[in-house]
PDB file of all heavy atoms in Angstrom:
ATOM      1  N   HIS A   1      87.776 107.951  84.763  1.00  0.00           N
ATOM      2  CA  HIS A   1      86.450 107.428  85.094  1.00  0.00           C
ATOM      3  C   HIS A   1      86.561 106.246  86.038  1.00  0.00           C
ATOM      4  O   HIS A   1      87.438 105.400  85.904  1.00  0.00           O
ATOM      5  CB  HIS A   1      85.702 107.016  83.822  1.00  0.00           C
ATOM      6  CG  HIS A   1      85.450 108.159  82.886  1.00  0.00           C
ATOM      7  ND1 HIS A   1      84.426 109.049  83.065  1.00  0.00           N
ATOM      8  CD2 HIS A   1      86.121 108.567  81.784  1.00  0.00           C
ATOM      9  CE1 HIS A   1      84.463 109.959  82.104  1.00  0.00           C
ATOM     10  NE2 HIS A   1      85.476 109.689  81.309  1.00  0.00           N
ATOM     11  N   LEU A   2      85.621 106.175  86.946  1.00  0.00           N
ATOM     12  CA  LEU A   2      85.601 105.102  87.930  1.00  0.00           C
ATOM     13  C   LEU A   2      84.920 103.856  87.385  1.00  0.00           C
ATOM     14  O   LEU A   2      85.436 102.758  87.513  1.00  0.00           O
ATOM     15  CB  LEU A   2      84.872 105.580  89.193  1.00  0.00           C
ATOM     16  CG  LEU A   2      84.639 104.558  90.285  1.00  0.00           C
ATOM     17  CD1 LEU A   2      85.956 104.011  90.786  1.00  0.00           C
ATOM     18  CD2 LEU A   2      83.868 105.186  91.432  1.00  0.00           C
ATOM     19  N   PHE A   3      83.762 103.999  86.772  1.00  0.00           N
ATOM     20  CA  PHE A   3      83.032 102.850  86.239  1.00  0.00           C
ATOM     21  C   PHE A   3      83.572 102.509  84.853  1.00  0.00           C
ATOM     22  O   PHE A   3      83.398 103.270  83.909  1.00  0.00           O
ATOM     23  CB  PHE A   3      81.544 103.157  86.163  1.00  0.00           C
ATOM     24  CG  PHE A   3      80.835 102.997  87.487  1.00  0.00           C
ATOM     25  CD1 PHE A   3      81.551 102.836  88.667  1.00  0.00           C
ATOM     26  CD2 PHE A   3      79.455 102.997  87.556  1.00  0.00           C
ATOM     27  CE1 PHE A   3      80.912 102.689  89.883  1.00  0.00           C
ATOM     28  CE2 PHE A   3      78.799 102.852  88.771  1.00  0.00           C
ATOM     29  CZ  PHE A   3      79.526 102.705  89.930  1.00  0.00           C
ATOM     30  N   ARG A   4      84.182 101.342  84.764  1.00  0.00           N
ATOM     31  CA  ARG A   4      84.752 100.894  83.501  1.00  0.00           C
ATOM     32  C   ARG A   4      84.056  99.619  83.053  1.00  0.00           C
ATOM     33  O   ARG A   4      83.231  99.077  83.780  1.00  0.00           O
ATOM     34  CB  ARG A   4      86.257 100.690  83.654  1.00  0.00           C
ATOM     35  CG  ARG A   4      86.952 101.966  84.094  1.00  0.00           C
ATOM     36  CD  ARG A   4      88.448 101.808  84.270  1.00  0.00           C
ATOM     37  NE  ARG A   4      89.040 103.066  84.751  1.00  0.00           N
ATOM     38  CZ  ARG A   4      90.323 103.222  85.017  1.00  0.00           C
ATOM     39  NH1 ARG A   4      91.164 102.214  84.859  1.00  0.00           N
ATOM     40  NH2 ARG A   4      90.775 104.391  85.452  1.00  0.00           N
ATOM     41  N   ASP A   5      84.399  99.162  81.883  1.00  0.00           N
ATOM     42  CA  ASP A   5      83.715  98.018  81.288  1.00  0.00           C
ATOM     43  C   ASP A   5      83.616  96.873  82.285  1.00  0.00           C
ATOM     44  O   ASP A   5      84.619  96.470  82.884  1.00  0.00           O
ATOM     45  CB  ASP A   5      84.461  97.557  80.035  1.00  0.00           C
ATOM     46  CG  ASP A   5      83.690  96.501  79.258  1.00  0.00           C
ATOM     47  OD1 ASP A   5      83.734  95.316  79.660  1.00  0.00           O
ATOM     48  OD2 ASP A   5      83.029  96.866  78.273  1.00  0.00           O
ATOM     49  N   PRO A   6      82.402  96.314  82.503  1.00  0.00           N
ATOM     50  CA  PRO A   6      82.220  95.289  83.544  1.00  0.00           C
ATOM     51  C   PRO A   6      82.901  93.963  83.247  1.00  0.00           C
ATOM     52  O   PRO A   6      83.030  93.127  84.141  1.00  0.00           O
ATOM     53  CB  PRO A   6      80.700  95.118  83.602  1.00  0.00           C
ATOM     54  CG  PRO A   6      80.210  95.558  82.271  1.00  0.00           C
ATOM     55  CD  PRO A   6      81.133  96.652  81.833  1.00  0.00           C
ATOM     56  N   VAL A   7      83.338  93.743  82.007  1.00  0.00           N
ATOM     57  CA  VAL A   7      83.969  92.466  81.648  1.00  0.00           C
ATOM     58  C   VAL A   7      85.421  92.660  81.230  1.00  0.00           C
ATOM     59  O   VAL A   7      86.321  91.976  81.732  1.00  0.00           O
ATOM     60  CB  VAL A   7      83.181  91.763  80.518  1.00  0.00           C
ATOM     61  CG1 VAL A   7      83.884  90.465  80.114  1.00  0.00           C
ATOM     62  CG2 VAL A   7      81.752  91.496  80.938  1.00  0.00           C
ATOM     63  N   HIS A   8      85.657  93.597  80.329  1.00  0.00           N
ATOM     64  CA  HIS A   8      86.989  93.733  79.740  1.00  0.00           C
ATOM     65  C   HIS A   8      87.792  94.900  80.307  1.00  0.00           C
ATOM     66  O   HIS A   8      88.952  95.079  79.916  1.00  0.00           O
ATOM     67  CB  HIS A   8      86.856  93.898  78.215  1.00  0.00           C
ATOM     68  CG  HIS A   8      86.124  92.777  77.548  1.00  0.00           C
ATOM     69  ND1 HIS A   8      86.616  91.493  77.498  1.00  0.00           N
ATOM     70  CD2 HIS A   8      84.910  92.750  76.929  1.00  0.00           C
ATOM     71  CE1 HIS A   8      85.748  90.715  76.859  1.00  0.00           C
ATOM     72  NE2 HIS A   8      84.702  91.449  76.512  1.00  0.00           N
ATOM     73  N   GLY A   9      87.223  95.672  81.198  1.00  0.00           N
ATOM     74  CA  GLY A   9      87.954  96.803  81.754  1.00  0.00           C
ATOM     75  C   GLY A   9      89.099  96.355  82.641  1.00  0.00           C
ATOM     76  O   GLY A   9      89.082  95.255  83.208  1.00  0.00           O
ATOM     77  N   ASP A  10      90.142  97.221  82.757  1.00  0.00           N
ATOM     78  CA  ASP A  10      91.257  96.868  83.639  1.00  0.00           C
ATOM     79  C   ASP A  10      90.801  96.868  85.095  1.00  0.00           C
ATOM     80  O   ASP A  10      91.378  96.190  85.946  1.00  0.00           O
ATOM     81  CB  ASP A  10      92.427  97.830  83.438  1.00  0.00           C
ATOM     82  CG  ASP A  10      92.078  99.253  83.823  1.00  0.00           C
ATOM     83  OD1 ASP A  10      90.894  99.625  83.696  1.00  0.00           O
ATOM     84  OD2 ASP A  10      92.976 100.000  84.237  1.00  0.00           O
ATOM     85  N   LEU A  11      89.741  97.639  85.369  1.00  0.00           N
ATOM     86  CA  LEU A  11      89.105  97.645  86.687  1.00  0.00           C
ATOM     87  C   LEU A  11      87.596  97.548  86.475  1.00  0.00           C
ATOM     88  O   LEU A  11      86.897  98.556  86.560  1.00  0.00           O
ATOM     89  CB  LEU A  11      89.443  98.926  87.458  1.00  0.00           C
ATOM     90  CG  LEU A  11      90.864  99.051  87.957  1.00  0.00           C
ATOM     91  CD1 LEU A  11      91.104 100.440  88.507  1.00  0.00           C
ATOM     92  CD2 LEU A  11      91.149  98.010  89.015  1.00  0.00           C
ATOM     93  N   PRO A  12      87.079  96.365  86.182  1.00  0.00           N
ATOM     94  CA  PRO A  12      85.636  96.232  85.927  1.00  0.00           C
ATOM     95  C   PRO A  12      84.847  96.698  87.140  1.00  0.00           C
ATOM     96  O   PRO A  12      85.160  96.352  88.277  1.00  0.00           O
ATOM     97  CB  PRO A  12      85.469  94.737  85.664  1.00  0.00           C
ATOM     98  CG  PRO A  12      86.655  94.083  86.296  1.00  0.00           C
ATOM     99  CD  PRO A  12      87.769  95.068  86.193  1.00  0.00           C
ATOM    100  N   TRP A  13      83.813  97.503  86.882  1.00  0.00           N
ATOM    101  CA  TRP A  13      83.130  98.135  88.017  1.00  0.00           C
ATOM    102  C   TRP A  13      82.459  97.137  88.975  1.00  0.00           C
ATOM    103  O   TRP A  13      82.423  97.402  90.170  1.00  0.00           O
ATOM    104  CB  TRP A  13      82.141  99.198  87.520  1.00  0.00           C
ATOM    105  CG  TRP A  13      80.941  98.685  86.775  1.00  0.00           C
ATOM    106  CD1 TRP A  13      80.776  98.616  85.428  1.00  0.00           C
ATOM    107  CD2 TRP A  13      79.732  98.205  87.351  1.00  0.00           C
ATOM    108  NE1 TRP A  13      79.547  98.101  85.115  1.00  0.00           N
ATOM    109  CE2 TRP A  13      78.875  97.840  86.282  1.00  0.00           C
ATOM    110  CE3 TRP A  13      79.276  98.025  88.657  1.00  0.00           C
ATOM    111  CZ2 TRP A  13      77.608  97.317  86.485  1.00  0.00           C
ATOM    112  CZ3 TRP A  13      78.018  97.505  88.858  1.00  0.00           C
ATOM    113  CH2 TRP A  13      77.192  97.153  87.782  1.00  0.00           C
ATOM    114  N   PRO A  14      81.935  95.976  88.541  1.00  0.00           N
ATOM    115  CA  PRO A  14      81.397  95.046  89.557  1.00  0.00           C
ATOM    116  C   PRO A  14      82.488  94.526  90.490  1.00  0.00           C
ATOM    117  O   PRO A  14      82.289  94.430  91.708  1.00  0.00           O
ATOM    118  CB  PRO A  14      80.786  93.916  88.728  1.00  0.00           C
ATOM    119  CG  PRO A  14      80.570  94.501  87.362  1.00  0.00           C
ATOM    120  CD  PRO A  14      81.686  95.466  87.175  1.00  0.00           C
ATOM    121  N   GLY A  15      83.633  94.203  89.922  1.00  0.00           N
ATOM    122  CA  GLY A  15      84.732  93.711  90.757  1.00  0.00           C
ATOM    123  C   GLY A  15      85.261  94.785  91.669  1.00  0.00           C
ATOM    124  O   GLY A  15      85.588  94.539  92.830  1.00  0.00           O
ATOM    125  N   MET A  16      85.334  96.018  91.152  1.00  0.00           N
ATOM    126  CA  MET A  16      85.835  97.110  91.957  1.00  0.00           C
ATOM    127  C   MET A  16      84.870  97.455  93.090  1.00  0.00           C
ATOM    128  O   MET A  16      85.285  97.770  94.208  1.00  0.00           O
ATOM    129  CB  MET A  16      86.038  98.332  91.070  1.00  0.00           C
ATOM    130  CG  MET A  16      86.697  99.487  91.753  1.00  0.00           C
ATOM    131  SD  MET A  16      86.364 100.989  90.857  1.00  0.00           S
ATOM    132  CE  MET A  16      84.596 101.050  90.946  1.00  0.00           C
ATOM    133  N   THR A  17      83.573  97.381  92.803  1.00  0.00           N
ATOM    134  CA  THR A  17      82.580  97.759  93.807  1.00  0.00           C
ATOM    135  C   THR A  17      82.395  96.679  94.859  1.00  0.00           C
ATOM    136  O   THR A  17      82.386  96.963  96.058  1.00  0.00           O
ATOM    137  CB  THR A  17      81.224  98.053  93.128  1.00  0.00           C
ATOM    138  OG1 THR A  17      81.415  99.045  92.122  1.00  0.00           O
ATOM    139  CG2 THR A  17      80.205  98.544  94.135  1.00  0.00           C
ATOM    140  N   VAL A  18      82.254  95.435  94.426  1.00  0.00           N
ATOM    141  CA  VAL A  18      81.982  94.341  95.364  1.00  0.00           C
ATOM    142  C   VAL A  18      83.263  93.622  95.773  1.00  0.00           C
ATOM    143  O   VAL A  18      83.508  93.375  96.952  1.00  0.00           O
ATOM    144  CB  VAL A  18      80.978  93.332  94.747  1.00  0.00           C
ATOM    145  CG1 VAL A  18      80.686  92.205  95.728  1.00  0.00           C
ATOM    146  CG2 VAL A  18      79.692  94.036  94.329  1.00  0.00           C
ATOM    147  N   GLY A  19      84.094  93.298  94.786  1.00  0.00           N
ATOM    148  CA  GLY A  19      85.307  92.541  95.077  1.00  0.00           C
ATOM    149  C   GLY A  19      86.243  93.269  96.020  1.00  0.00           C
ATOM    150  O   GLY A  19      86.760  92.692  96.981  1.00  0.00           O
ATOM    151  N   LEU A  20      86.465  94.556  95.767  1.00  0.00           N
ATOM    152  CA  LEU A  20      87.366  95.304  96.634  1.00  0.00           C
ATOM    153  C   LEU A  20      86.763  95.551  98.007  1.00  0.00           C
ATOM    154  O   LEU A  20      87.483  95.709  98.989  1.00  0.00           O
ATOM    155  CB  LEU A  20      87.749  96.631  95.987  1.00  0.00           C
ATOM    156  CG  LEU A  20      89.007  96.518  95.112  1.00  0.00           C
ATOM    157  CD1 LEU A  20      89.140  97.701  94.184  1.00  0.00           C
ATOM    158  CD2 LEU A  20      90.256  96.386  95.970  1.00  0.00           C
ATOM    159  N   THR A  21      85.445  95.569  98.087  1.00  0.00           N
ATOM    160  CA  THR A  21      84.805  95.670  99.404  1.00  0.00           C
ATOM    161  C   THR A  21      85.098  94.418 100.229  1.00  0.00           C
ATOM    162  O   THR A  21      85.336  94.494 101.442  1.00  0.00           O
ATOM    163  CB  THR A  21      83.289  95.864  99.258  1.00  0.00           C
ATOM    164  OG1 THR A  21      83.047  97.068  98.533  1.00  0.00           O
ATOM    165  CG2 THR A  21      82.614  95.959 100.611  1.00  0.00           C
ATOM    166  N   ILE A  22      85.100  93.265  99.577  1.00  0.00           N
ATOM    167  CA  ILE A  22      85.442  92.014 100.262  1.00  0.00           C
ATOM    168  C   ILE A  22      86.876  92.068 100.779  1.00  0.00           C
ATOM    169  O   ILE A  22      87.164  91.708 101.930  1.00  0.00           O
ATOM    170  CB  ILE A  22      85.248  90.817  99.307  1.00  0.00           C
ATOM    171  CG1 ILE A  22      83.763  90.629  98.983  1.00  0.00           C
ATOM    172  CG2 ILE A  22      85.842  89.537  99.896  1.00  0.00           C
ATOM    173  CD1 ILE A  22      83.487  89.596  97.903  1.00  0.00           C
ATOM    174  N   LEU A  23      87.793  92.541  99.933  1.00  0.00           N
ATOM    175  CA  LEU A  23      89.197  92.621 100.353  1.00  0.00           C
ATOM    176  C   LEU A  23      89.381  93.650 101.460  1.00  0.00           C
ATOM    177  O   LEU A  23      90.145  93.436 102.402  1.00  0.00           O
ATOM    178  CB  LEU A  23      90.075  92.981  99.152  1.00  0.00           C
ATOM    179  CG  LEU A  23      89.995  92.071  97.928  1.00  0.00           C
ATOM    180  CD1 LEU A  23      91.055  92.468  96.907  1.00  0.00           C
ATOM    181  CD2 LEU A  23      90.152  90.608  98.314  1.00  0.00           C
ATOM    182  N   ALA A  24      88.681  94.775 101.339  1.00  0.00           N
ATOM    183  CA  ALA A  24      88.804  95.816 102.362  1.00  0.00           C
ATOM    184  C   ALA A  24      88.250  95.348 103.698  1.00  0.00           C
ATOM    185  O   ALA A  24      88.790  95.664 104.757  1.00  0.00           O
ATOM    186  CB  ALA A  24      88.081  97.090 101.908  1.00  0.00           C
ATOM    187  N   THR A  25      87.165  94.575 103.659  1.00  0.00           N
ATOM    188  CA  THR A  25      86.604  94.044 104.899  1.00  0.00           C
ATOM    189  C   THR A  25      87.590  93.100 105.571  1.00  0.00           C
ATOM    190  O   THR A  25      87.747  93.122 106.794  1.00  0.00           O
ATOM    191  CB  THR A  25      85.280  93.311 104.608  1.00  0.00           C
ATOM    192  OG1 THR A  25      84.378  94.200 103.964  1.00  0.00           O
ATOM    193  CG2 THR A  25      84.648  92.807 105.903  1.00  0.00           C
ATOM    194  N   TRP A  26      88.258  92.279 104.758  1.00  0.00           N
ATOM    195  CA  TRP A  26      89.282  91.398 105.336  1.00  0.00           C
ATOM    196  C   TRP A  26      90.366  92.233 106.026  1.00  0.00           C
ATOM    197  O   TRP A  26      90.730  91.956 107.171  1.00  0.00           O
ATOM    198  CB  TRP A  26      89.929  90.536 104.250  1.00  0.00           C
ATOM    199  CG  TRP A  26      91.235  89.948 104.697  1.00  0.00           C
ATOM    200  CD1 TRP A  26      91.415  88.885 105.535  1.00  0.00           C
ATOM    201  CD2 TRP A  26      92.548  90.434 104.388  1.00  0.00           C
ATOM    202  NE1 TRP A  26      92.762  88.668 105.761  1.00  0.00           N
ATOM    203  CE2 TRP A  26      93.478  89.601 105.066  1.00  0.00           C
ATOM    204  CE3 TRP A  26      93.032  91.479 103.592  1.00  0.00           C
ATOM    205  CZ2 TRP A  26      94.854  89.789 104.969  1.00  0.00           C
ATOM    206  CZ3 TRP A  26      94.406  91.665 103.499  1.00  0.00           C
ATOM    207  CH2 TRP A  26      95.300  90.833 104.179  1.00  0.00           C
ATOM    208  N   TYR A  27      90.860  93.243 105.347  1.00  0.00           N
ATOM    209  CA  TYR A  27      91.992  93.989 105.892  1.00  0.00           C
ATOM    210  C   TYR A  27      91.592  94.816 107.107  1.00  0.00           C
ATOM    211  O   TYR A  27      92.226  94.730 108.159  1.00  0.00           O
ATOM    212  CB  TYR A  27      92.573  94.912 104.815  1.00  0.00           C
ATOM    213  CG  TYR A  27      93.765  95.691 105.299  1.00  0.00           C
ATOM    214  CD1 TYR A  27      94.988  95.045 105.521  1.00  0.00           C
ATOM    215  CD2 TYR A  27      93.687  97.050 105.556  1.00  0.00           C
ATOM    216  CE1 TYR A  27      96.095  95.742 105.992  1.00  0.00           C
ATOM    217  CE2 TYR A  27      94.792  97.756 106.017  1.00  0.00           C
ATOM    218  CZ  TYR A  27      95.984  97.099 106.228  1.00  0.00           C
ATOM    219  OH  TYR A  27      97.074  97.788 106.695  1.00  0.00           O
ATOM    220  N   TRP A  28      90.521  95.599 106.990  1.00  0.00           N
ATOM    221  CA  TRP A  28      90.179  96.533 108.051  1.00  0.00           C
ATOM    222  C   TRP A  28      89.482  95.880 109.232  1.00  0.00           C
ATOM    223  O   TRP A  28      89.411  96.464 110.316  1.00  0.00           O
ATOM    224  CB  TRP A  28      89.322  97.668 107.498  1.00  0.00           C
ATOM    225  CG  TRP A  28      90.082  98.559 106.586  1.00  0.00           C
ATOM    226  CD1 TRP A  28      90.071  98.539 105.217  1.00  0.00           C
ATOM    227  CD2 TRP A  28      91.003  99.585 106.954  1.00  0.00           C
ATOM    228  NE1 TRP A  28      90.924  99.490 104.727  1.00  0.00           N
ATOM    229  CE2 TRP A  28      91.505 100.151 105.768  1.00  0.00           C
ATOM    230  CE3 TRP A  28      91.442 100.081 108.174  1.00  0.00           C
ATOM    231  CZ2 TRP A  28      92.434 101.181 105.776  1.00  0.00           C
ATOM    232  CZ3 TRP A  28      92.367 101.118 108.178  1.00  0.00           C
ATOM    233  CH2 TRP A  28      92.843 101.658 106.989  1.00  0.00           C
ATOM    234  N   CYS A  29      88.940  94.685 109.041  1.00  0.00           N
ATOM    235  CA  CYS A  29      88.191  94.050 110.131  1.00  0.00           C
ATOM    236  C   CYS A  29      88.884  92.836 110.733  1.00  0.00           C
ATOM    237  O   CYS A  29      88.573  92.466 111.864  1.00  0.00           O
ATOM    238  CB  CYS A  29      86.799  93.642 109.650  1.00  0.00           C
ATOM    239  SG  CYS A  29      85.778  95.022 109.145  1.00  0.00           S
ATOM    240  N   THR A  30      89.784  92.190 109.990  1.00  0.00           N
ATOM    241  CA  THR A  30      90.368  90.955 110.510  1.00  0.00           C
ATOM    242  C   THR A  30      91.893  90.941 110.493  1.00  0.00           C
ATOM    243  O   THR A  30      92.493  90.097 111.153  1.00  0.00           O
ATOM    244  CB  THR A  30      89.877  89.723 109.710  1.00  0.00           C
ATOM    245  OG1 THR A  30      90.481  89.712 108.415  1.00  0.00           O
ATOM    246  CG2 THR A  30      88.364  89.747 109.562  1.00  0.00           C
ATOM    247  N   ASP A  31      92.523  91.828 109.745  1.00  0.00           N
ATOM    248  CA  ASP A  31      93.976  91.783 109.678  1.00  0.00           C
ATOM    249  C   ASP A  31      94.587  92.242 111.005  1.00  0.00           C
ATOM    250  O   ASP A  31      94.175  93.254 111.576  1.00  0.00           O
ATOM    251  CB  ASP A  31      94.476  92.670 108.543  1.00  0.00           C
ATOM    252  CG  ASP A  31      95.961  92.515 108.324  1.00  0.00           C
ATOM    253  OD1 ASP A  31      96.377  91.511 107.738  1.00  0.00           O
ATOM    254  OD2 ASP A  31      96.722  93.407 108.774  1.00  0.00           O
ATOM    255  N   GLN A  32      95.579  91.500 111.464  1.00  0.00           N
ATOM    256  CA  GLN A  32      96.150  91.757 112.789  1.00  0.00           C
ATOM    257  C   GLN A  32      96.781  93.129 112.896  1.00  0.00           C
ATOM    258  O   GLN A  32      96.786  93.749 113.962  1.00  0.00           O
ATOM    259  CB  GLN A  32      97.169  90.662 113.129  1.00  0.00           C
ATOM    260  CG  GLN A  32      97.809  90.782 114.486  1.00  0.00           C
ATOM    261  CD  GLN A  32      96.838  90.542 115.631  1.00  0.00           C
ATOM    262  OE1 GLN A  32      95.726  90.100 115.407  1.00  0.00           O
ATOM    263  NE2 GLN A  32      97.262  90.836 116.852  1.00  0.00           N
ATOM    264  N   VAL A  33      97.333  93.653 111.801  1.00  0.00           N
ATOM    265  CA  VAL A  33      97.948  94.978 111.843  1.00  0.00           C
ATOM    266  C   VAL A  33      96.937  96.033 112.285  1.00  0.00           C
ATOM    267  O   VAL A  33      97.243  96.927 113.078  1.00  0.00           O
ATOM    268  CB  VAL A  33      98.525  95.341 110.458  1.00  0.00           C
ATOM    269  CG1 VAL A  33      99.015  96.786 110.426  1.00  0.00           C
ATOM    270  CG2 VAL A  33      99.675  94.402 110.101  1.00  0.00           C
ATOM    271  N   ILE A  34      95.715  95.942 111.765  1.00  0.00           N
ATOM    272  CA  ILE A  34      94.675  96.908 112.106  1.00  0.00           C
ATOM    273  C   ILE A  34      94.010  96.544 113.426  1.00  0.00           C
ATOM    274  O   ILE A  34      93.802  97.402 114.297  1.00  0.00           O
ATOM    275  CB  ILE A  34      93.624  96.984 110.984  1.00  0.00           C
ATOM    276  CG1 ILE A  34      94.289  97.361 109.654  1.00  0.00           C
ATOM    277  CG2 ILE A  34      92.527  97.975 111.342  1.00  0.00           C
ATOM    278  CD1 ILE A  34      95.000  98.695 109.677  1.00  0.00           C
ATOM    279  N   VAL A  35      93.676  95.281 113.598  1.00  0.00           N
ATOM    280  CA  VAL A  35      92.965  94.855 114.802  1.00  0.00           C
ATOM    281  C   VAL A  35      93.785  95.142 116.058  1.00  0.00           C
ATOM    282  O   VAL A  35      93.244  95.560 117.088  1.00  0.00           O
ATOM    283  CB  VAL A  35      92.622  93.352 114.718  1.00  0.00           C
ATOM    284  CG1 VAL A  35      92.118  92.827 116.054  1.00  0.00           C
ATOM    285  CG2 VAL A  35      91.577  93.111 113.635  1.00  0.00           C
ATOM    286  N   GLN A  36      95.104  94.962 115.977  1.00  0.00           N
ATOM    287  CA  GLN A  36      95.946  95.150 117.156  1.00  0.00           C
ATOM    288  C   GLN A  36      95.859  96.586 117.674  1.00  0.00           C
ATOM    289  O   GLN A  36      95.943  96.831 118.874  1.00  0.00           O
ATOM    290  CB  GLN A  36      97.396  94.798 116.816  1.00  0.00           C
ATOM    291  CG  GLN A  36      98.281  94.647 118.042  1.00  0.00           C
ATOM    292  CD  GLN A  36      99.634  94.075 117.689  1.00  0.00           C
ATOM    293  OE1 GLN A  36     100.125  94.259 116.583  1.00  0.00           O
ATOM    294  NE2 GLN A  36     100.240  93.361 118.605  1.00  0.00           N
ATOM    295  N   ARG A  37      95.665  97.526 116.772  1.00  0.00           N
ATOM    296  CA  ARG A  37      95.520  98.912 117.202  1.00  0.00           C
ATOM    297  C   ARG A  37      94.184  99.134 117.900  1.00  0.00           C
ATOM    298  O   ARG A  37      94.101  99.901 118.869  1.00  0.00           O
ATOM    299  CB  ARG A  37      95.655  99.844 116.004  1.00  0.00           C
ATOM    300  CG  ARG A  37      97.101 100.093 115.661  1.00  0.00           C
ATOM    301  CD  ARG A  37      97.323 100.406 114.203  1.00  0.00           C
ATOM    302  NE  ARG A  37      98.705 100.780 113.988  1.00  0.00           N
ATOM    303  CZ  ARG A  37      99.735  99.952 114.066  1.00  0.00           C
ATOM    304  NH1 ARG A  37      99.520  98.681 114.361  1.00  0.00           N
ATOM    305  NH2 ARG A  37     100.975 100.354 113.857  1.00  0.00           N
ATOM    306  N   SER A  38      93.156  98.471 117.419  1.00  0.00           N
ATOM    307  CA  SER A  38      91.862  98.577 118.094  1.00  0.00           C
ATOM    308  C   SER A  38      91.923  97.955 119.481  1.00  0.00           C
ATOM    309  O   SER A  38      91.306  98.445 120.430  1.00  0.00           O
ATOM    310  CB  SER A  38      90.779  97.889 117.261  1.00  0.00           C
ATOM    311  OG  SER A  38      90.607  98.537 116.021  1.00  0.00           O
ATOM    312  N   LEU A  39      92.679  96.883 119.597  1.00  0.00           N
ATOM    313  CA  LEU A  39      92.792  96.223 120.899  1.00  0.00           C
ATOM    314  C   LEU A  39      93.506  97.098 121.920  1.00  0.00           C
ATOM    315  O   LEU A  39      93.309  96.944 123.127  1.00  0.00           O
ATOM    316  CB  LEU A  39      93.582  94.902 120.760  1.00  0.00           C
ATOM    317  CG  LEU A  39      93.104  93.890 119.730  1.00  0.00           C
ATOM    318  CD1 LEU A  39      93.857  92.588 119.907  1.00  0.00           C
ATOM    319  CD2 LEU A  39      91.627  93.661 119.817  1.00  0.00           C
ATOM    320  N   SER A  40      94.333  98.025 121.443  1.00  0.00           N
ATOM    321  CA  SER A  40      95.098  98.855 122.370  1.00  0.00           C
ATOM    322  C   SER A  40      94.346 100.123 122.770  1.00  0.00           C
ATOM    323  O   SER A  40      94.883 100.938 123.532  1.00  0.00           O
ATOM    324  CB  SER A  40      96.438  99.244 121.741  1.00  0.00           C
ATOM    325  OG  SER A  40      96.239 100.069 120.616  1.00  0.00           O
TER     326      SER A  40
END
């Protein structure tokens, strides 16, 4: 299951939905490894 307990789950669904989106935005939009390919 994807949605797990919002407080005690090993992957609480609020953190997985919003928190990982924040991390993914950092990586895919600002990390040099990815950006450098867009620049080329």
